[in-house]
Structures are given as structure tokens and as C-alpha cells.
Amino acid sequence: MNPELNFTIMSGVDDGSMLRCSPDQGDGKVENETWMISIGRHDNNDICLNNDTFVSRHHARIHLQDQHLWLEDRDSTNGTYIEVSPHEDVQVVEKTPLSPGQLFRVGRTWLRIEPLE
């Protein structure tokens, strides 16, 4: 398994920043053929959003399994949201499918996973 995910931060002080995650770089963990990327404010996350005080220490997780992406909230204080249309987002309450290019929000930070190659 040699996947790579590229995340673009779409809001906040890091707006426009791109983050690259790959297990070859030591990012995430692989369990039962599923690669998981952690997102949160604590610096032990694969994606650390320490500039957003609305992000929990261990806020959300991205799962990549069989070329399908899933978004999971980790009982965060302020929730995880996924955009379903240009002016509508819904709260993630269970592991939810996520498409490359689709916006999602943790705390007050919007992110996007760039299309898989």
C-alpha cells in the first residue's frame, strides 16, 4: 500500500497551504488494509491544526480503504461537517463517505482532499 493524499487548507490563517500525507513518510497508520490519517489540534496528529482553537486535540480521522475515502468524527467538541451543496453542510455523526475535492470542516477550518492519482 503506497497511497498518498494531498490536503488543501481552504480557510483560516493557513488558507492555501497544501499538506501531503503518505505512509512512506510515516503518516497515519495502516490497520486491516485501511490507512487512517488523524486530524486535530495536538501535534501528534498527522494533520495538526493548532491555529484553530475550535479544533479538538483529536478531532477527526480520514480512512482510505480500497480507493474509497471516509470521514469520521472522534467525539470532537465542535463537530465535523461535510459540504453536500454550495450552501449546505451536514454534521458527520458516523463514518461518512468523502469524495476527493469535496469540502469538509473541522472546527472552523475548511479542508479539501485533492483528487487521488
N, C-alpha and C. Protein backbone atom coordinates (compact mmCIF):
# COMPACT_ATOMS: atom_id res chain seq x y z
N MET A 1 0.86 -1.18 0.00
CA MET A 1 0.00 0.00 0.00
C MET A 1 0.90 1.23 0.00
N ASN A 2 0.88 2.00 -1.09
CA ASN A 2 1.68 3.21 -1.21
C ASN A 2 0.82 4.40 -1.59
N PRO A 3 -0.27 4.65 -0.87
CA PRO A 3 -1.12 5.78 -1.23
C PRO A 3 -0.49 7.11 -0.81
N GLU A 4 -1.05 8.14 -1.34
CA GLU A 4 -0.66 9.50 -0.96
C GLU A 4 -1.92 10.35 -1.04
N LEU A 5 -2.14 11.16 -0.01
CA LEU A 5 -3.26 12.10 0.00
C LEU A 5 -2.71 13.51 0.13
N ASN A 6 -3.25 14.41 -0.67
CA ASN A 6 -2.88 15.81 -0.60
C ASN A 6 -4.09 16.60 -0.12
N PHE A 7 -3.89 17.33 0.97
CA PHE A 7 -4.94 18.14 1.57
C PHE A 7 -4.64 19.60 1.32
N THR A 8 -5.65 20.37 0.97
CA THR A 8 -5.52 21.82 0.85
C THR A 8 -6.36 22.45 1.94
N ILE A 9 -5.76 23.35 2.71
CA ILE A 9 -6.49 24.10 3.73
C ILE A 9 -7.17 25.25 3.01
N MET A 10 -8.48 25.36 3.18
CA MET A 10 -9.28 26.30 2.40
C MET A 10 -9.73 27.53 3.18
N SER A 11 -9.32 27.64 4.47
CA SER A 11 -9.73 28.80 5.26
C SER A 11 -8.76 29.01 6.41
N GLY A 12 -8.89 30.14 7.08
CA GLY A 12 -8.07 30.42 8.26
C GLY A 12 -6.69 30.95 7.91
N VAL A 13 -5.83 30.99 8.93
CA VAL A 13 -4.50 31.58 8.75
C VAL A 13 -3.63 30.75 7.80
N ASP A 14 -3.94 29.48 7.65
CA ASP A 14 -3.15 28.61 6.76
C ASP A 14 -3.81 28.42 5.40
N ASP A 15 -4.78 29.29 5.06
CA ASP A 15 -5.50 29.20 3.80
C ASP A 15 -4.54 29.05 2.63
N GLY A 16 -4.81 28.04 1.80
CA GLY A 16 -3.99 27.80 0.61
C GLY A 16 -2.83 26.85 0.84
N SER A 17 -2.55 26.52 2.08
CA SER A 17 -1.46 25.58 2.36
C SER A 17 -1.85 24.19 1.90
N MET A 18 -0.86 23.46 1.37
CA MET A 18 -1.09 22.08 0.97
C MET A 18 -0.27 21.17 1.86
N LEU A 19 -0.90 20.10 2.31
CA LEU A 19 -0.25 19.12 3.16
C LEU A 19 -0.28 17.78 2.44
N ARG A 20 0.86 17.11 2.40
CA ARG A 20 0.95 15.81 1.74
C ARG A 20 1.13 14.75 2.81
N CYS A 21 0.30 13.70 2.75
CA CYS A 21 0.40 12.59 3.70
C CYS A 21 0.64 11.30 2.94
N SER A 22 1.55 10.50 3.46
CA SER A 22 1.88 9.22 2.85
C SER A 22 2.41 8.28 3.93
N PRO A 23 2.03 7.01 3.88
CA PRO A 23 2.60 6.08 4.86
C PRO A 23 4.12 5.95 4.69
N ASP A 24 4.63 6.20 3.48
CA ASP A 24 6.08 6.16 3.26
C ASP A 24 6.81 7.23 4.07
N GLN A 25 6.10 8.33 4.38
CA GLN A 25 6.66 9.41 5.21
C GLN A 25 6.40 9.16 6.69
N GLY A 26 5.70 8.07 7.01
CA GLY A 26 5.36 7.78 8.40
C GLY A 26 4.04 8.37 8.84
N ASP A 27 3.24 8.86 7.90
CA ASP A 27 1.95 9.47 8.24
C ASP A 27 0.88 8.41 8.42
N GLY A 28 0.02 8.62 9.39
CA GLY A 28 -1.12 7.75 9.61
C GLY A 28 -0.69 6.38 10.12
N LYS A 29 -1.68 5.50 10.12
CA LYS A 29 -1.40 4.12 10.48
C LYS A 29 -2.25 3.23 9.59
N VAL A 30 -1.73 2.06 9.30
CA VAL A 30 -2.43 1.09 8.47
C VAL A 30 -2.89 -0.04 9.38
N GLU A 31 -4.20 -0.32 9.28
CA GLU A 31 -4.80 -1.36 10.09
C GLU A 31 -5.84 -2.08 9.25
N ASN A 32 -5.70 -3.39 9.09
CA ASN A 32 -6.64 -4.18 8.29
C ASN A 32 -6.83 -3.61 6.89
N GLU A 33 -5.72 -3.26 6.23
CA GLU A 33 -5.72 -2.71 4.87
C GLU A 33 -6.44 -1.37 4.75
N THR A 34 -6.62 -0.68 5.86
CA THR A 34 -7.20 0.66 5.86
C THR A 34 -6.14 1.62 6.40
N TRP A 35 -5.90 2.69 5.64
CA TRP A 35 -4.95 3.72 6.06
C TRP A 35 -5.75 4.84 6.71
N MET A 36 -5.35 5.23 7.91
CA MET A 36 -6.07 6.26 8.66
C MET A 36 -5.16 7.44 8.94
N ILE A 37 -5.68 8.64 8.67
CA ILE A 37 -5.00 9.91 8.90
C ILE A 37 -5.74 10.65 10.00
N SER A 38 -5.04 11.05 11.05
CA SER A 38 -5.68 11.77 12.15
C SER A 38 -5.57 13.28 11.95
N ILE A 39 -6.61 13.99 12.37
CA ILE A 39 -6.68 15.44 12.26
C ILE A 39 -7.05 16.00 13.62
N GLY A 40 -6.31 17.01 14.07
CA GLY A 40 -6.63 17.63 15.35
C GLY A 40 -5.66 18.73 15.70
N ARG A 41 -5.84 19.30 16.89
CA ARG A 41 -5.02 20.42 17.34
C ARG A 41 -3.70 19.94 17.97
N HIS A 42 -3.69 18.74 18.53
CA HIS A 42 -2.50 18.21 19.19
C HIS A 42 -1.43 17.88 18.14
N ASP A 43 -0.18 18.13 18.47
CA ASP A 43 0.88 17.95 17.48
C ASP A 43 1.19 16.49 17.15
N ASN A 44 0.55 15.52 17.80
CA ASN A 44 0.79 14.13 17.43
C ASN A 44 -0.17 13.65 16.33
N ASN A 45 -1.00 14.55 15.80
CA ASN A 45 -1.88 14.22 14.67
C ASN A 45 -1.09 14.31 13.36
N ASP A 46 -1.56 13.58 12.37
CA ASP A 46 -0.93 13.65 11.05
C ASP A 46 -1.15 15.03 10.42
N ILE A 47 -2.35 15.59 10.63
CA ILE A 47 -2.64 16.95 10.21
C ILE A 47 -2.94 17.73 11.47
N CYS A 48 -2.02 18.62 11.82
CA CYS A 48 -2.14 19.40 13.05
C CYS A 48 -2.65 20.80 12.71
N LEU A 49 -3.81 21.14 13.27
CA LEU A 49 -4.43 22.45 13.03
C LEU A 49 -4.40 23.25 14.34
N ASN A 50 -3.21 23.54 14.81
CA ASN A 50 -3.07 24.19 16.13
C ASN A 50 -3.40 25.68 16.11
N ASN A 51 -3.70 26.26 14.95
CA ASN A 51 -4.11 27.67 14.88
C ASN A 51 -5.61 27.86 15.03
N ASP A 52 -6.36 26.76 15.10
CA ASP A 52 -7.82 26.83 15.21
C ASP A 52 -8.23 26.31 16.59
N THR A 53 -8.62 27.21 17.48
CA THR A 53 -8.97 26.81 18.85
C THR A 53 -10.30 26.06 18.92
N PHE A 54 -11.04 25.99 17.81
CA PHE A 54 -12.29 25.24 17.77
C PHE A 54 -12.07 23.78 17.37
N VAL A 55 -10.83 23.43 17.07
CA VAL A 55 -10.48 22.06 16.73
C VAL A 55 -10.09 21.34 18.02
N SER A 56 -10.66 20.15 18.23
CA SER A 56 -10.31 19.34 19.40
C SER A 56 -8.92 18.74 19.23
N ARG A 57 -8.34 18.31 20.33
CA ARG A 57 -7.00 17.72 20.27
C ARG A 57 -6.94 16.55 19.30
N HIS A 58 -7.95 15.69 19.31
CA HIS A 58 -8.06 14.55 18.39
C HIS A 58 -9.45 14.61 17.79
N HIS A 59 -9.58 15.39 16.74
CA HIS A 59 -10.88 15.83 16.22
C HIS A 59 -11.54 14.84 15.26
N ALA A 60 -10.81 14.43 14.23
CA ALA A 60 -11.41 13.62 13.16
C ALA A 60 -10.37 12.67 12.57
N ARG A 61 -10.88 11.78 11.73
CA ARG A 61 -9.99 10.82 11.08
C ARG A 61 -10.48 10.59 9.66
N ILE A 62 -9.54 10.48 8.72
CA ILE A 62 -9.81 10.11 7.34
C ILE A 62 -9.38 8.65 7.17
N HIS A 63 -10.24 7.86 6.54
CA HIS A 63 -9.92 6.46 6.26
C HIS A 63 -9.82 6.31 4.74
N LEU A 64 -8.81 5.60 4.28
CA LEU A 64 -8.70 5.24 2.87
C LEU A 64 -8.68 3.72 2.80
N GLN A 65 -9.72 3.16 2.19
CA GLN A 65 -9.83 1.71 2.05
C GLN A 65 -10.34 1.39 0.66
N ASP A 66 -9.60 0.56 -0.07
CA ASP A 66 -9.98 0.17 -1.43
C ASP A 66 -10.28 1.39 -2.30
N GLN A 67 -9.45 2.40 -2.22
CA GLN A 67 -9.58 3.65 -3.00
C GLN A 67 -10.83 4.45 -2.67
N HIS A 68 -11.47 4.18 -1.53
CA HIS A 68 -12.63 4.94 -1.07
C HIS A 68 -12.25 5.71 0.18
N LEU A 69 -12.68 6.96 0.25
CA LEU A 69 -12.41 7.82 1.40
C LEU A 69 -13.61 7.88 2.32
N TRP A 70 -13.33 7.93 3.63
CA TRP A 70 -14.36 8.05 4.65
C TRP A 70 -13.91 9.10 5.65
N LEU A 71 -14.85 9.84 6.19
CA LEU A 71 -14.59 10.85 7.21
C LEU A 71 -15.28 10.44 8.49
N GLU A 72 -14.56 10.52 9.61
CA GLU A 72 -15.09 10.11 10.91
C GLU A 72 -14.79 11.19 11.95
N ASP A 73 -15.79 11.58 12.70
CA ASP A 73 -15.60 12.48 13.84
C ASP A 73 -15.17 11.64 15.03
N ARG A 74 -14.28 12.18 15.85
CA ARG A 74 -13.78 11.45 17.01
C ARG A 74 -14.31 12.06 18.31
N ASP A 75 -15.63 12.24 18.37
CA ASP A 75 -16.28 12.83 19.54
C ASP A 75 -15.72 14.21 19.86
N SER A 76 -15.53 15.01 18.82
CA SER A 76 -14.99 16.36 19.00
C SER A 76 -16.02 17.27 19.68
N THR A 77 -15.53 18.34 20.25
CA THR A 77 -16.41 19.30 20.93
C THR A 77 -17.28 20.07 19.94
N ASN A 78 -16.70 20.52 18.82
CA ASN A 78 -17.41 21.38 17.88
C ASN A 78 -17.86 20.69 16.61
N GLY A 79 -17.68 19.38 16.51
CA GLY A 79 -18.19 18.63 15.38
C GLY A 79 -17.33 18.69 14.13
N THR A 80 -17.65 17.78 13.23
CA THR A 80 -17.03 17.67 11.91
C THR A 80 -18.16 17.76 10.90
N TYR A 81 -17.95 18.51 9.83
CA TYR A 81 -19.01 18.77 8.85
C TYR A 81 -18.50 18.48 7.45
N ILE A 82 -19.43 18.11 6.59
CA ILE A 82 -19.10 17.83 5.20
C ILE A 82 -20.05 18.64 4.32
N GLU A 83 -19.50 19.24 3.27
CA GLU A 83 -20.33 20.04 2.37
C GLU A 83 -21.08 19.12 1.41
N VAL A 84 -22.40 19.28 1.36
CA VAL A 84 -23.22 18.47 0.45
C VAL A 84 -23.72 19.29 -0.74
N SER A 85 -23.70 20.61 -0.64
CA SER A 85 -24.01 21.51 -1.74
C SER A 85 -23.32 22.84 -1.42
N PRO A 86 -23.26 23.77 -2.38
CA PRO A 86 -22.51 25.01 -2.14
C PRO A 86 -22.92 25.80 -0.89
N HIS A 87 -24.15 25.66 -0.43
CA HIS A 87 -24.57 26.43 0.74
C HIS A 87 -25.14 25.55 1.84
N GLU A 88 -24.76 24.26 1.81
CA GLU A 88 -25.30 23.34 2.82
C GLU A 88 -24.22 22.35 3.25
N ASP A 89 -24.03 22.27 4.56
CA ASP A 89 -23.13 21.26 5.09
C ASP A 89 -23.87 20.51 6.20
N VAL A 90 -23.49 19.24 6.39
CA VAL A 90 -24.14 18.41 7.39
C VAL A 90 -23.09 17.87 8.35
N GLN A 91 -23.52 17.67 9.58
CA GLN A 91 -22.61 17.17 10.60
C GLN A 91 -22.37 15.68 10.40
N VAL A 92 -21.13 15.29 10.56
CA VAL A 92 -20.74 13.88 10.47
C VAL A 92 -21.02 13.24 11.82
N VAL A 93 -21.93 12.27 11.85
CA VAL A 93 -22.25 11.59 13.11
C VAL A 93 -21.80 10.13 13.10
N GLU A 94 -21.49 9.61 11.93
CA GLU A 94 -20.92 8.27 11.80
C GLU A 94 -19.98 8.31 10.61
N LYS A 95 -19.19 7.29 10.44
CA LYS A 95 -18.25 7.25 9.32
C LYS A 95 -19.01 7.52 8.02
N THR A 96 -18.59 8.58 7.30
CA THR A 96 -19.33 9.10 6.16
C THR A 96 -18.44 9.11 4.91
N PRO A 97 -18.97 8.69 3.75
CA PRO A 97 -18.17 8.74 2.52
C PRO A 97 -17.75 10.18 2.20
N LEU A 98 -16.55 10.31 1.68
CA LEU A 98 -15.98 11.61 1.31
C LEU A 98 -15.39 11.47 -0.09
N SER A 99 -15.74 12.37 -0.97
CA SER A 99 -15.21 12.35 -2.34
C SER A 99 -14.03 13.29 -2.45
N PRO A 100 -13.01 12.91 -3.24
CA PRO A 100 -11.92 13.86 -3.50
C PRO A 100 -12.50 15.16 -4.06
N GLY A 101 -12.01 16.28 -3.57
CA GLY A 101 -12.49 17.58 -3.99
C GLY A 101 -13.62 18.12 -3.14
N GLN A 102 -14.26 17.27 -2.37
CA GLN A 102 -15.37 17.69 -1.51
C GLN A 102 -14.82 18.40 -0.28
N LEU A 103 -15.44 19.50 0.10
CA LEU A 103 -15.00 20.26 1.27
C LEU A 103 -15.53 19.62 2.55
N PHE A 104 -14.70 19.69 3.60
CA PHE A 104 -15.14 19.27 4.92
C PHE A 104 -14.53 20.22 5.94
N ARG A 105 -15.16 20.29 7.12
CA ARG A 105 -14.74 21.27 8.13
C ARG A 105 -14.52 20.60 9.47
N VAL A 106 -13.40 20.93 10.08
CA VAL A 106 -13.13 20.58 11.46
C VAL A 106 -12.90 21.89 12.19
N GLY A 107 -13.58 22.07 13.33
CA GLY A 107 -13.53 23.38 13.99
C GLY A 107 -14.05 24.43 13.04
N ARG A 108 -13.24 25.45 12.80
CA ARG A 108 -13.61 26.49 11.82
C ARG A 108 -12.76 26.41 10.55
N THR A 109 -12.02 25.31 10.40
CA THR A 109 -11.12 25.16 9.27
C THR A 109 -11.73 24.25 8.21
N TRP A 110 -11.84 24.79 6.99
CA TRP A 110 -12.31 24.01 5.85
C TRP A 110 -11.10 23.39 5.15
N LEU A 111 -11.24 22.13 4.76
CA LEU A 111 -10.18 21.42 4.05
C LEU A 111 -10.76 20.72 2.84
N ARG A 112 -9.87 20.33 1.93
CA ARG A 112 -10.27 19.58 0.74
C ARG A 112 -9.17 18.56 0.45
N ILE A 113 -9.58 17.34 0.14
CA ILE A 113 -8.62 16.33 -0.32
C ILE A 113 -8.57 16.44 -1.83
N GLU A 114 -7.38 16.59 -2.34
CA GLU A 114 -7.24 16.69 -3.79
C GLU A 114 -7.51 15.32 -4.41
N PRO A 115 -7.94 15.28 -5.67
CA PRO A 115 -8.26 14.00 -6.31
C PRO A 115 -7.11 13.00 -6.22
N LEU A 116 -7.47 11.72 -6.02
CA LEU A 116 -6.49 10.65 -5.94
C LEU A 116 -5.87 10.43 -7.30
N GLU A 117 -4.61 10.11 -7.29
CA GLU A 117 -3.92 9.85 -8.58
C GLU A 117 -3.71 8.38 -8.78
